[in-house]
Protein backbone atom coordinates (compact mmCIF):
# COMPACT_ATOMS: atom_id res chain seq x y z
CA MET A 1 0.00 0.00 0.00
CA GLU A 2 1.33 3.41 -0.94
CA VAL A 3 0.54 5.91 1.81
CA LYS A 4 0.03 9.47 0.63
CA LEU A 5 0.33 12.59 2.77
CA TRP A 6 -3.37 13.30 2.94
CA LYS A 7 -6.55 12.50 4.85
CA TYR A 8 -7.80 9.04 5.74
CA ARG A 9 -10.80 7.61 7.56
CA HIS A 10 -10.07 5.13 10.35
CA PHE A 11 -12.33 2.08 10.34
CA LYS A 12 -13.89 3.42 13.58
CA TRP A 13 -14.88 6.54 11.56
CA THR A 14 -12.49 9.12 12.94
CA GLU A 15 -10.62 11.17 10.37
CA ILE A 16 -6.85 11.50 10.41
CA GLU A 17 -4.22 13.32 8.38
CA VAL A 18 -0.93 11.66 7.53
CA ILE A 19 1.86 14.10 8.39
CA TRP A 20 4.89 12.12 7.22
CA ILE A 21 6.49 8.71 6.82
CA TRP A 22 9.73 8.06 8.71
CA LYS A 23 12.15 5.20 9.22
CA HIS A 24 13.18 3.69 12.52
CA SER A 25 16.92 4.28 12.91
CA GLU A 26 17.69 0.74 14.10
CA THR A 27 15.27 -1.45 12.15
CA ILE A 28 14.76 0.74 9.03
CA GLU A 29 11.04 -0.09 9.37
CA ASP A 30 8.67 2.55 7.94
CA TYR A 31 6.29 4.33 10.31
CA VAL A 32 3.31 6.59 9.61
CA VAL A 33 2.96 9.74 11.70
CA TYR A 34 -0.57 11.10 11.75
CA ARG A 35 -2.87 13.41 13.67
CA HIS A 36 -6.56 13.12 14.42
CA ILE A 37 -8.64 15.74 12.62
CA THR A 38 -11.71 14.74 14.59
CA LYS A 39 -11.47 14.10 18.33
CA ASP A 40 -9.27 11.15 19.14
CA PRO A 41 -11.45 8.39 20.66
CA ILE A 42 -8.76 7.50 23.22
CA THR A 43 -7.67 10.91 24.53
CA TRP A 44 -10.65 12.93 23.21
CA GLU A 45 -8.25 15.58 22.04
CA GLU A 46 -8.11 17.12 18.59
CA ASN A 47 -4.80 17.21 16.71
CA SER A 48 -3.18 14.53 18.88
CA LEU A 49 -0.19 12.94 17.13
CA TRP A 50 0.18 9.19 16.72
CA VAL A 51 2.76 6.85 15.19
CA ARG A 52 1.96 3.44 13.72
CA PRO A 53 4.11 0.98 11.77
CA LEU A 54 3.33 1.27 8.05
CA LYS A 55 2.66 -2.46 7.91
CA MET A 56 -0.06 -2.07 10.57
CA PHE A 57 -1.41 1.16 9.01
CA ALA A 58 -1.94 -0.67 5.70
CA GLU A 59 -3.50 -3.85 7.10
CA THR A 60 -7.11 -4.95 6.95
CA VAL A 61 -9.30 -5.45 10.01
CA GLU A 62 -12.57 -7.25 10.62
CA LYS A 63 -15.66 -5.11 11.15
CA ASP A 64 -19.20 -6.51 11.16
CA GLY A 65 -17.91 -9.78 9.72
CA LYS A 66 -16.14 -8.11 6.77
CA MET A 67 -12.46 -7.44 6.15
CA ILE A 68 -11.90 -3.74 5.46
CA PRO A 69 -8.86 -1.42 5.36
CA ARG A 70 -7.83 -0.06 8.78
CA PHE A 71 -7.44 3.35 7.11
CA GLU A 72 -9.30 4.38 3.96
CA TYR A 73 -7.89 7.15 1.77
CA ILE A 74 -10.30 10.08 1.40
CA GLU A 75 -10.34 11.09 -2.26
CA ILE A 76 -9.73 14.72 -3.12
CA GLN A 77 -12.95 16.31 -4.32
CA PRO A 78 -12.68 18.57 -7.39
């Protein structure tokens, strides 16, 4: 999955914005740094920053018996 610096919808329906992709200095693993545009369901703060391994960011999860993307890219509207 190619991750673009843009907005995504989390499968729990919060919206996030990907800020950048960075590499771990020891493992060279890619990580996604993002912020919640809507209130974060854990801290209930807006604009809280989070980091998630790219592999986990791009994975699918089960919701209502269906496998869906953990984060869905929000298309740019013309």
